[in-house]
Amino acid sequence: MVRKLVIILLFFIVLGKEALLAVAEPTTIPELMKKIEQLQEMTTDVMARVDLTQTKTGQGTKKIEMLYYRRDSDDSFMIVMIAPEIDKGNGYLRVGDNFWMYRRNTRTFQHINRDENIGGSDANADDFEKRKLTELYAPSKDASGNEIISTEKLGAVSVFRFEIVAKVNDVDYPKKIYWVMQDKGLPLKEQSFSASGTLMQTAYYINYTIVEKRYVAVKQLFIDEFEKGNKTLVEISGISTKKLDDSLFTKAYLENISK
């Protein structure tokens, strides 16, 4: 299942002096978690096109395309579906605690819950919200009380491998393992586990690009380890960080743009 699309969409980090420095050794898991938070932190409005290619066993492949708009001042967002044809013109709008789904064929808005699926994909509204990694997880420790962290190679890349466990109940996965680049702190691989220790999902951050002095993860692959054969490829394009007009985040605008 594709989780936390805020990570999928918006791995941003300003390329200043701090970003260009290597992550010094020795390091700690909390330091690496804070580095990842910096990569997720958004300080501008954002617009982007998101293409999801979902493959499910027995169902074949489905392509889902959407436009995503986010306002930084209050973390509001709007999604407009552009494919498949049956969903074209449908949309979603979240402002404050209100989350609406718009259906073009009936020209109606419906107030829905945060766990509603977006456009028939595995994503929901909660996936577009910002939550800090350090608020949700803590370092895993071995029997001696030492953090479970090591240095190794992921292909030809030097990485830190570390484990974290949830410290709150409302998370998708109670345990995660990250592989992050030693020089930049960018995640390359992430594994997610159930409470029983079953591997549920493996994520690969395949390609990063730079948009207006920011790193952006523009291609990612999510493999369902529980239901074998299911996977989702996520591709991000047309990214803009220009300020968006407040009129975008209204029912009237969503209805008009969906015509």
C-alpha atoms as a PDB file:
ATOM      1  CA  MET A   1       0.000   0.000   0.000  1.00  0.00           C
ATOM      2  CA  VAL A   2       1.250   3.481  -0.791  1.00  0.00           C
ATOM      3  CA  ARG A   3       1.559   5.413   2.447  1.00  0.00           C
ATOM      4  CA  LYS A   4       2.505   8.976   3.353  1.00  0.00           C
ATOM      5  CA  LEU A   5       2.278  10.702   0.024  1.00  0.00           C
ATOM      6  CA  VAL A   6       3.526  13.842   1.630  1.00  0.00           C
ATOM      7  CA  ILE A   7       6.860  12.025   1.542  1.00  0.00           C
ATOM      8  CA  ILE A   8       6.264  10.840  -2.009  1.00  0.00           C
ATOM      9  CA  LEU A   9       5.421  14.304  -3.253  1.00  0.00           C
ATOM     10  CA  LEU A  10       7.615  16.611  -1.312  1.00  0.00           C
ATOM     11  CA  PHE A  11      11.107  15.535  -0.356  1.00  0.00           C
ATOM     12  CA  PHE A  12      12.429  19.099  -0.225  1.00  0.00           C
ATOM     13  CA  ILE A  13      15.617  20.441   1.315  1.00  0.00           C
ATOM     14  CA  VAL A  14      17.185  23.845   0.701  1.00  0.00           C
ATOM     15  CA  LEU A  15      20.630  23.452  -0.828  1.00  0.00           C
ATOM     16  CA  GLY A  16      22.570  25.670   1.530  1.00  0.00           C
ATOM     17  CA  LYS A  17      25.822  25.126   3.378  1.00  0.00           C
ATOM     18  CA  GLU A  18      24.266  22.643   5.764  1.00  0.00           C
ATOM     19  CA  ALA A  19      22.749  20.550   2.975  1.00  0.00           C
ATOM     20  CA  LEU A  20      26.036  20.267   1.103  1.00  0.00           C
ATOM     21  CA  LEU A  21      27.917  18.912   4.092  1.00  0.00           C
ATOM     22  CA  ALA A  22      28.206  15.176   4.626  1.00  0.00           C
ATOM     23  CA  VAL A  23      26.442  13.598   7.586  1.00  0.00           C
ATOM     24  CA  ALA A  24      29.409  13.231   9.909  1.00  0.00           C
ATOM     25  CA  GLU A  25      30.257   9.927  11.593  1.00  0.00           C
ATOM     26  CA  PRO A  26      29.631   8.826  14.206  1.00  0.00           C
ATOM     27  CA  THR A  27      25.975   9.809  14.095  1.00  0.00           C
ATOM     28  CA  THR A  28      22.798   8.826  15.915  1.00  0.00           C
ATOM     29  CA  ILE A  29      19.372   7.699  14.806  1.00  0.00           C
ATOM     30  CA  PRO A  30      17.665  10.860  16.167  1.00  0.00           C
ATOM     31  CA  GLU A  31      20.076  12.979  14.111  1.00  0.00           C
ATOM     32  CA  LEU A  32      19.233  11.008  10.972  1.00  0.00           C
ATOM     33  CA  MET A  33      15.505  11.220  11.711  1.00  0.00           C
ATOM     34  CA  LYS A  34      15.767  14.993  12.033  1.00  0.00           C
ATOM     35  CA  LYS A  35      17.637  15.072   8.730  1.00  0.00           C
ATOM     36  CA  ILE A  36      14.783  13.192   7.073  1.00  0.00           C
ATOM     37  CA  GLU A  37      12.325  15.660   8.624  1.00  0.00           C
ATOM     38  CA  GLN A  38      14.258  18.476   6.996  1.00  0.00           C
ATOM     39  CA  LEU A  39      13.825  16.708   3.671  1.00  0.00           C
ATOM     40  CA  GLN A  40      10.073  16.520   4.219  1.00  0.00           C
ATOM     41  CA  GLU A  41       9.687  20.077   5.471  1.00  0.00           C
ATOM     42  CA  MET A  42       7.819  22.398   3.110  1.00  0.00           C
ATOM     43  CA  THR A  43       8.097  26.156   3.418  1.00  0.00           C
ATOM     44  CA  THR A  44       6.402  27.145   0.149  1.00  0.00           C
ATOM     45  CA  ASP A  45       3.171  26.550  -1.719  1.00  0.00           C
ATOM     46  CA  VAL A  46       3.413  23.586  -4.080  1.00  0.00           C
ATOM     47  CA  MET A  47       1.793  22.451  -7.304  1.00  0.00           C
ATOM     48  CA  ALA A  48       2.686  19.179  -9.047  1.00  0.00           C
ATOM     49  CA  ARG A  49       1.425  16.434 -11.314  1.00  0.00           C
ATOM     50  CA  VAL A  50       1.358  12.982  -9.741  1.00  0.00           C
ATOM     51  CA  ASP A  51       1.201   9.781 -11.815  1.00  0.00           C
ATOM     52  CA  LEU A  52       0.578   6.477 -10.049  1.00  0.00           C
ATOM     53  CA  THR A  53       0.948   3.185 -11.911  1.00  0.00           C
ATOM     54  CA  GLN A  54      -0.595   0.458  -9.773  1.00  0.00           C
ATOM     55  CA  THR A  55      -0.151  -3.234 -10.516  1.00  0.00           C
ATOM     56  CA  LYS A  56      -2.336  -5.704  -8.625  1.00  0.00           C
ATOM     57  CA  THR A  57      -2.379  -9.471  -8.915  1.00  0.00           C
ATOM     58  CA  GLY A  58      -5.359 -10.615 -10.947  1.00  0.00           C
ATOM     59  CA  GLN A  59      -6.393  -7.047 -11.778  1.00  0.00           C
ATOM     60  CA  GLY A  60      -3.653  -5.892 -14.114  1.00  0.00           C
ATOM     61  CA  THR A  61      -2.235  -2.364 -14.229  1.00  0.00           C
ATOM     62  CA  LYS A  62      -4.087   0.892 -13.565  1.00  0.00           C
ATOM     63  CA  LYS A  63      -2.760   4.384 -14.297  1.00  0.00           C
ATOM     64  CA  ILE A  64      -3.983   7.198 -12.045  1.00  0.00           C
ATOM     65  CA  GLU A  65      -3.084  10.825 -12.822  1.00  0.00           C
ATOM     66  CA  MET A  66      -3.811  13.849 -10.664  1.00  0.00           C
ATOM     67  CA  LEU A  67      -2.884  17.479 -10.081  1.00  0.00           C
ATOM     68  CA  TYR A  68      -1.928  18.365  -6.511  1.00  0.00           C
ATOM     69  CA  TYR A  69      -2.031  21.861  -4.975  1.00  0.00           C
ATOM     70  CA  ARG A  70      -0.896  22.690  -1.442  1.00  0.00           C
ATOM     71  CA  ARG A  71      -1.046  26.006   0.446  1.00  0.00           C
ATOM     72  CA  ASP A  72       1.777  26.402   2.947  1.00  0.00           C
ATOM     73  CA  SER A  73       0.094  28.913   5.288  1.00  0.00           C
ATOM     74  CA  ASP A  74      -2.458  26.421   6.633  1.00  0.00           C
ATOM     75  CA  ASP A  75      -1.500  23.102   4.964  1.00  0.00           C
ATOM     76  CA  SER A  76      -4.689  23.067   2.879  1.00  0.00           C
ATOM     77  CA  PHE A  77      -4.619  20.974  -0.273  1.00  0.00           C
ATOM     78  CA  MET A  78      -6.632  20.277  -3.410  1.00  0.00           C
ATOM     79  CA  ILE A  79      -6.476  17.306  -5.774  1.00  0.00           C
ATOM     80  CA  VAL A  80      -7.934  17.256  -9.277  1.00  0.00           C
ATOM     81  CA  MET A  81      -8.156  13.910 -11.101  1.00  0.00           C
ATOM     82  CA  ILE A  82      -7.135  13.926 -14.772  1.00  0.00           C
ATOM     83  CA  ALA A  83      -7.089  10.153 -15.497  1.00  0.00           C
ATOM     84  CA  PRO A  84      -8.499   7.563 -15.886  1.00  0.00           C
ATOM     85  CA  GLU A  85     -11.329   9.001 -17.958  1.00  0.00           C
ATOM     86  CA  ILE A  86     -14.008   7.723 -15.576  1.00  0.00           C
ATOM     87  CA  ASP A  87     -12.529   9.833 -12.756  1.00  0.00           C
ATOM     88  CA  LYS A  88     -11.507  12.877 -14.823  1.00  0.00           C
ATOM     89  CA  GLY A  89     -12.785  16.095 -13.261  1.00  0.00           C
ATOM     90  CA  ASN A  90     -13.394  14.586  -9.841  1.00  0.00           C
ATOM     91  CA  GLY A  91     -11.557  16.257  -6.999  1.00  0.00           C
ATOM     92  CA  TYR A  92     -10.772  16.571  -3.327  1.00  0.00           C
ATOM     93  CA  LEU A  93     -10.424  19.647  -1.128  1.00  0.00           C
ATOM     94  CA  ARG A  94      -9.204  19.912   2.435  1.00  0.00           C
ATOM     95  CA  VAL A  95      -9.318  23.188   4.347  1.00  0.00           C
ATOM     96  CA  GLY A  96      -8.890  23.122   8.111  1.00  0.00           C
ATOM     97  CA  ASP A  97     -10.767  20.139   9.547  1.00  0.00           C
ATOM     98  CA  ASN A  98     -13.053  19.887   6.521  1.00  0.00           C
ATOM     99  CA  PHE A  99     -12.407  17.385   3.737  1.00  0.00           C
ATOM    100  CA  TRP A 100     -14.680  17.212   0.703  1.00  0.00           C
ATOM    101  CA  MET A 101     -14.926  14.958  -2.329  1.00  0.00           C
ATOM    102  CA  TYR A 102     -16.314  16.482  -5.534  1.00  0.00           C
ATOM    103  CA  ARG A 103     -18.055  14.392  -8.213  1.00  0.00           C
ATOM    104  CA  ARG A 104     -18.146  16.035 -11.652  1.00  0.00           C
ATOM    105  CA  ASN A 105     -21.017  13.954 -13.042  1.00  0.00           C
ATOM    106  CA  THR A 106     -23.403  15.068 -10.278  1.00  0.00           C
ATOM    107  CA  ARG A 107     -21.666  18.398  -9.522  1.00  0.00           C
ATOM    108  CA  THR A 108     -21.962  17.659  -5.811  1.00  0.00           C
ATOM    109  CA  PHE A 109     -19.661  17.860  -2.803  1.00  0.00           C
ATOM    110  CA  GLN A 110     -19.621  15.223  -0.091  1.00  0.00           C
ATOM    111  CA  HIS A 111     -18.002  15.641   3.304  1.00  0.00           C
ATOM    112  CA  ILE A 112     -15.777  12.581   3.796  1.00  0.00           C
ATOM    113  CA  ASN A 113     -13.375  11.124   6.354  1.00  0.00           C
ATOM    114  CA  ARG A 114      -9.585  11.333   6.253  1.00  0.00           C
ATOM    115  CA  ASP A 115      -9.318   7.606   5.506  1.00  0.00           C
ATOM    116  CA  GLU A 116     -11.268   7.869   2.238  1.00  0.00           C
ATOM    117  CA  ASN A 117      -9.283   6.546  -0.737  1.00  0.00           C
ATOM    118  CA  ILE A 118      -8.151   9.150  -3.278  1.00  0.00           C
ATOM    119  CA  GLY A 119      -9.335   8.413  -6.810  1.00  0.00           C
ATOM    120  CA  GLY A 120      -9.403   4.656  -6.315  1.00  0.00           C
ATOM    121  CA  SER A 121      -5.720   4.609  -5.328  1.00  0.00           C
ATOM    122  CA  ASP A 122      -4.178   3.280  -2.118  1.00  0.00           C
ATOM    123  CA  ALA A 123      -3.676   6.813  -0.838  1.00  0.00           C
ATOM    124  CA  ASN A 124      -6.002   8.737   1.475  1.00  0.00           C
ATOM    125  CA  ALA A 125      -6.189  12.230   2.940  1.00  0.00           C
ATOM    126  CA  ASP A 126      -3.997  11.277   5.879  1.00  0.00           C
ATOM    127  CA  ASP A 127      -1.180  10.543   3.440  1.00  0.00           C
ATOM    128  CA  PHE A 128      -1.058  14.215   2.418  1.00  0.00           C
ATOM    129  CA  GLU A 129      -0.704  15.550   5.959  1.00  0.00           C
ATOM    130  CA  LYS A 130       2.489  16.575   7.687  1.00  0.00           C
ATOM    131  CA  ARG A 131       3.579  14.641  10.770  1.00  0.00           C
ATOM    132  CA  LYS A 132       7.113  14.661  12.136  1.00  0.00           C
ATOM    133  CA  LEU A 133       9.032  11.401  12.146  1.00  0.00           C
ATOM    134  CA  THR A 134      10.541  12.171  15.562  1.00  0.00           C
ATOM    135  CA  GLU A 135       7.063  12.606  17.035  1.00  0.00           C
ATOM    136  CA  LEU A 136       5.926   9.221  15.767  1.00  0.00           C
ATOM    137  CA  TYR A 137       8.998   6.995  16.141  1.00  0.00           C
ATOM    138  CA  ALA A 138      11.949   6.344  18.454  1.00  0.00           C
ATOM    139  CA  PRO A 139      15.248   4.491  17.834  1.00  0.00           C
ATOM    140  CA  SER A 140      15.197   0.697  18.129  1.00  0.00           C
ATOM    141  CA  LYS A 141      17.698  -0.649  20.641  1.00  0.00           C
ATOM    142  CA  ASP A 142      19.391  -4.013  21.100  1.00  0.00           C
ATOM    143  CA  ALA A 143      19.614  -6.062  24.293  1.00  0.00           C
ATOM    144  CA  SER A 144      22.497  -3.896  25.501  1.00  0.00           C
ATOM    145  CA  GLY A 145      20.535  -0.681  25.015  1.00  0.00           C
ATOM    146  CA  ASN A 146      22.490   0.430  21.957  1.00  0.00           C
ATOM    147  CA  GLU A 147      20.755   1.990  18.955  1.00  0.00           C
ATOM    148  CA  ILE A 148      20.396  -0.403  16.016  1.00  0.00           C
ATOM    149  CA  ILE A 149      22.365   1.464  13.369  1.00  0.00           C
ATOM    150  CA  SER A 150      25.145   0.422  11.010  1.00  0.00           C
ATOM    151  CA  THR A 151      27.062   1.557   7.940  1.00  0.00           C
ATOM    152  CA  GLU A 152      26.882  -0.548   4.802  1.00  0.00           C
ATOM    153  CA  LYS A 153      26.560  -0.453   1.020  1.00  0.00           C
ATOM    154  CA  LEU A 154      23.302  -0.321  -0.900  1.00  0.00           C
ATOM    155  CA  GLY A 155      24.586  -1.232  -4.321  1.00  0.00           C
ATOM    156  CA  ALA A 156      27.537   1.129  -4.788  1.00  0.00           C
ATOM    157  CA  VAL A 157      26.219   3.786  -2.371  1.00  0.00           C
ATOM    158  CA  SER A 158      27.458   4.171   1.211  1.00  0.00           C
ATOM    159  CA  VAL A 159      24.461   4.301   3.532  1.00  0.00           C
ATOM    160  CA  PHE A 160      23.375   4.322   7.146  1.00  0.00           C
ATOM    161  CA  ARG A 161      20.967   1.500   7.965  1.00  0.00           C
ATOM    162  CA  PHE A 162      18.853   2.092  11.079  1.00  0.00           C
ATOM    163  CA  GLU A 163      15.710   0.791  12.764  1.00  0.00           C
ATOM    164  CA  ILE A 164      12.935   2.745  14.478  1.00  0.00           C
ATOM    165  CA  VAL A 165       9.802   1.748  16.398  1.00  0.00           C
ATOM    166  CA  ALA A 166       6.533   3.621  16.903  1.00  0.00           C
ATOM    167  CA  LYS A 167       5.964   5.542  20.127  1.00  0.00           C
ATOM    168  CA  VAL A 168       2.326   6.406  19.279  1.00  0.00           C
ATOM    169  CA  ASN A 169      -0.539   4.126  18.293  1.00  0.00           C
ATOM    170  CA  ASP A 170      -1.917   5.856  15.188  1.00  0.00           C
ATOM    171  CA  VAL A 171       0.792   4.888  12.704  1.00  0.00           C
ATOM    172  CA  ASP A 172       0.511   2.575   9.729  1.00  0.00           C
ATOM    173  CA  TYR A 173       3.534   0.487  10.656  1.00  0.00           C
ATOM    174  CA  PRO A 174       4.966  -0.055  14.172  1.00  0.00           C
ATOM    175  CA  LYS A 175       8.505  -0.668  12.888  1.00  0.00           C
ATOM    176  CA  LYS A 176      10.574   0.738  10.033  1.00  0.00           C
ATOM    177  CA  ILE A 177      14.072   0.285   8.657  1.00  0.00           C
ATOM    178  CA  TYR A 178      15.728   3.049   6.642  1.00  0.00           C
ATOM    179  CA  TRP A 179      18.735   3.116   4.337  1.00  0.00           C
ATOM    180  CA  VAL A 180      19.908   6.728   3.862  1.00  0.00           C
ATOM    181  CA  MET A 181      22.833   8.165   1.929  1.00  0.00           C
ATOM    182  CA  GLN A 182      25.766   8.971   4.189  1.00  0.00           C
ATOM    183  CA  ASP A 183      26.729  12.104   2.279  1.00  0.00           C
ATOM    184  CA  LYS A 184      23.323  13.763   1.861  1.00  0.00           C
ATOM    185  CA  GLY A 185      20.969  11.998   4.258  1.00  0.00           C
ATOM    186  CA  LEU A 186      18.543  11.208   1.432  1.00  0.00           C
ATOM    187  CA  PRO A 187      16.502   8.004   1.931  1.00  0.00           C
ATOM    188  CA  LEU A 188      17.083   5.350  -0.727  1.00  0.00           C
ATOM    189  CA  LYS A 189      15.142   2.445   0.754  1.00  0.00           C
ATOM    190  CA  GLU A 190      12.549   1.952   3.493  1.00  0.00           C
ATOM    191  CA  GLN A 191      10.983  -1.212   4.874  1.00  0.00           C
ATOM    192  CA  SER A 192       7.804  -1.241   6.967  1.00  0.00           C
ATOM    193  CA  PHE A 193       6.772  -3.972   9.410  1.00  0.00           C
ATOM    194  CA  SER A 194       3.639  -5.012  11.292  1.00  0.00           C
ATOM    195  CA  ALA A 195       3.479  -5.363  15.077  1.00  0.00           C
ATOM    196  CA  SER A 196       4.279  -9.072  14.703  1.00  0.00           C
ATOM    197  CA  GLY A 197       7.421  -8.274  12.724  1.00  0.00           C
ATOM    198  CA  THR A 198       6.051  -9.211   9.290  1.00  0.00           C
ATOM    199  CA  LEU A 199       7.530  -7.225   6.411  1.00  0.00           C
ATOM    200  CA  MET A 200       4.576  -5.394   4.855  1.00  0.00           C
ATOM    201  CA  GLN A 201       6.103  -2.959   2.353  1.00  0.00           C
ATOM    202  CA  THR A 202       9.403  -2.022   0.758  1.00  0.00           C
ATOM    203  CA  ALA A 203       9.851   1.435  -0.740  1.00  0.00           C
ATOM    204  CA  TYR A 204      12.624   2.520  -3.099  1.00  0.00           C
ATOM    205  CA  TYR A 205      13.392   6.198  -3.721  1.00  0.00           C
ATOM    206  CA  ILE A 206      14.691   5.760  -7.236  1.00  0.00           C
ATOM    207  CA  ASN A 207      15.377   9.249  -8.520  1.00  0.00           C
ATOM    208  CA  TYR A 208      15.870  12.710  -7.054  1.00  0.00           C
ATOM    209  CA  THR A 209      16.009  15.949  -8.964  1.00  0.00           C
ATOM    210  CA  ILE A 210      16.585  19.572  -7.986  1.00  0.00           C
ATOM    211  CA  VAL A 211      13.768  22.099  -8.258  1.00  0.00           C
ATOM    212  CA  GLU A 212      14.545  25.687  -7.279  1.00  0.00           C
ATOM    213  CA  LYS A 213      17.483  24.655  -5.065  1.00  0.00           C
ATOM    214  CA  ARG A 214      15.581  21.771  -3.476  1.00  0.00           C
ATOM    215  CA  TYR A 215      15.956  18.019  -3.723  1.00  0.00           C
ATOM    216  CA  VAL A 216      12.745  16.349  -4.825  1.00  0.00           C
ATOM    217  CA  ALA A 217      12.088  12.596  -4.961  1.00  0.00           C
ATOM    218  CA  VAL A 218      10.390  12.357  -8.355  1.00  0.00           C
ATOM    219  CA  LYS A 219      10.319   8.583  -8.825  1.00  0.00           C
ATOM    220  CA  GLN A 220       9.519   6.011  -6.174  1.00  0.00           C
ATOM    221  CA  LEU A 221       8.493   2.368  -6.154  1.00  0.00           C
ATOM    222  CA  PHE A 222       6.346   0.794  -3.422  1.00  0.00           C
ATOM    223  CA  ILE A 223       6.250  -3.008  -3.265  1.00  0.00           C
ATOM    224  CA  ASP A 224       3.535  -4.787  -1.303  1.00  0.00           C
ATOM    225  CA  GLU A 225       5.369  -7.571   0.540  1.00  0.00           C
ATOM    226  CA  PHE A 226       2.176  -9.007   2.063  1.00  0.00           C
ATOM    227  CA  GLU A 227       0.145  -9.382  -1.134  1.00  0.00           C
ATOM    228  CA  LYS A 228       2.865 -10.513  -3.501  1.00  0.00           C
ATOM    229  CA  GLY A 229       2.771  -9.034  -6.981  1.00  0.00           C
ATOM    230  CA  ASN A 230       1.180  -5.740  -5.942  1.00  0.00           C
ATOM    231  CA  LYS A 231       3.266  -2.619  -6.501  1.00  0.00           C
ATOM    232  CA  THR A 232       2.889   1.089  -7.182  1.00  0.00           C
ATOM    233  CA  LEU A 233       5.217   3.331  -9.161  1.00  0.00           C
ATOM    234  CA  VAL A 234       4.914   7.035  -8.307  1.00  0.00           C
ATOM    235  CA  GLU A 235       6.236   9.721 -10.648  1.00  0.00           C
ATOM    236  CA  ILE A 236       6.164  13.459  -9.934  1.00  0.00           C
ATOM    237  CA  SER A 237       6.490  16.138 -12.630  1.00  0.00           C
ATOM    238  CA  GLY A 238       5.670  19.767 -13.346  1.00  0.00           C
ATOM    239  CA  ILE A 239       6.629  20.855  -9.839  1.00  0.00           C
ATOM    240  CA  SER A 240       6.159  24.537  -9.018  1.00  0.00           C
ATOM    241  CA  THR A 241       6.795  26.309  -5.711  1.00  0.00           C
ATOM    242  CA  LYS A 242       5.246  29.618  -6.730  1.00  0.00           C
ATOM    243  CA  LYS A 243       2.701  31.105  -4.362  1.00  0.00           C
ATOM    244  CA  LEU A 244      -0.836  29.928  -5.109  1.00  0.00           C
ATOM    245  CA  ASP A 245      -3.824  32.248  -5.001  1.00  0.00           C
ATOM    246  CA  ASP A 246      -6.116  31.645  -2.041  1.00  0.00           C
ATOM    247  CA  SER A 247      -9.075  31.393  -4.430  1.00  0.00           C
ATOM    248  CA  LEU A 248      -7.797  27.971  -5.530  1.00  0.00           C
ATOM    249  CA  PHE A 249      -8.701  26.422  -2.207  1.00  0.00           C
ATOM    250  CA  THR A 250     -12.434  26.884  -2.510  1.00  0.00           C
ATOM    251  CA  LYS A 251     -15.335  24.718  -3.623  1.00  0.00           C
ATOM    252  CA  ALA A 252     -16.126  27.214  -6.381  1.00  0.00           C
ATOM    253  CA  TYR A 253     -12.673  26.926  -7.917  1.00  0.00           C
ATOM    254  CA  LEU A 254     -12.635  23.120  -7.736  1.00  0.00           C
ATOM    255  CA  GLU A 255     -16.039  22.951  -9.403  1.00  0.00           C
ATOM    256  CA  ASN A 256     -14.964  25.380 -12.142  1.00  0.00           C
ATOM    257  CA  ILE A 257     -11.626  23.731 -12.917  1.00  0.00           C
ATOM    258  CA  SER A 258     -13.303  20.313 -13.100  1.00  0.00           C
ATOM    259  CA  LYS A 259     -15.711  21.284 -15.896  1.00  0.00           C
END
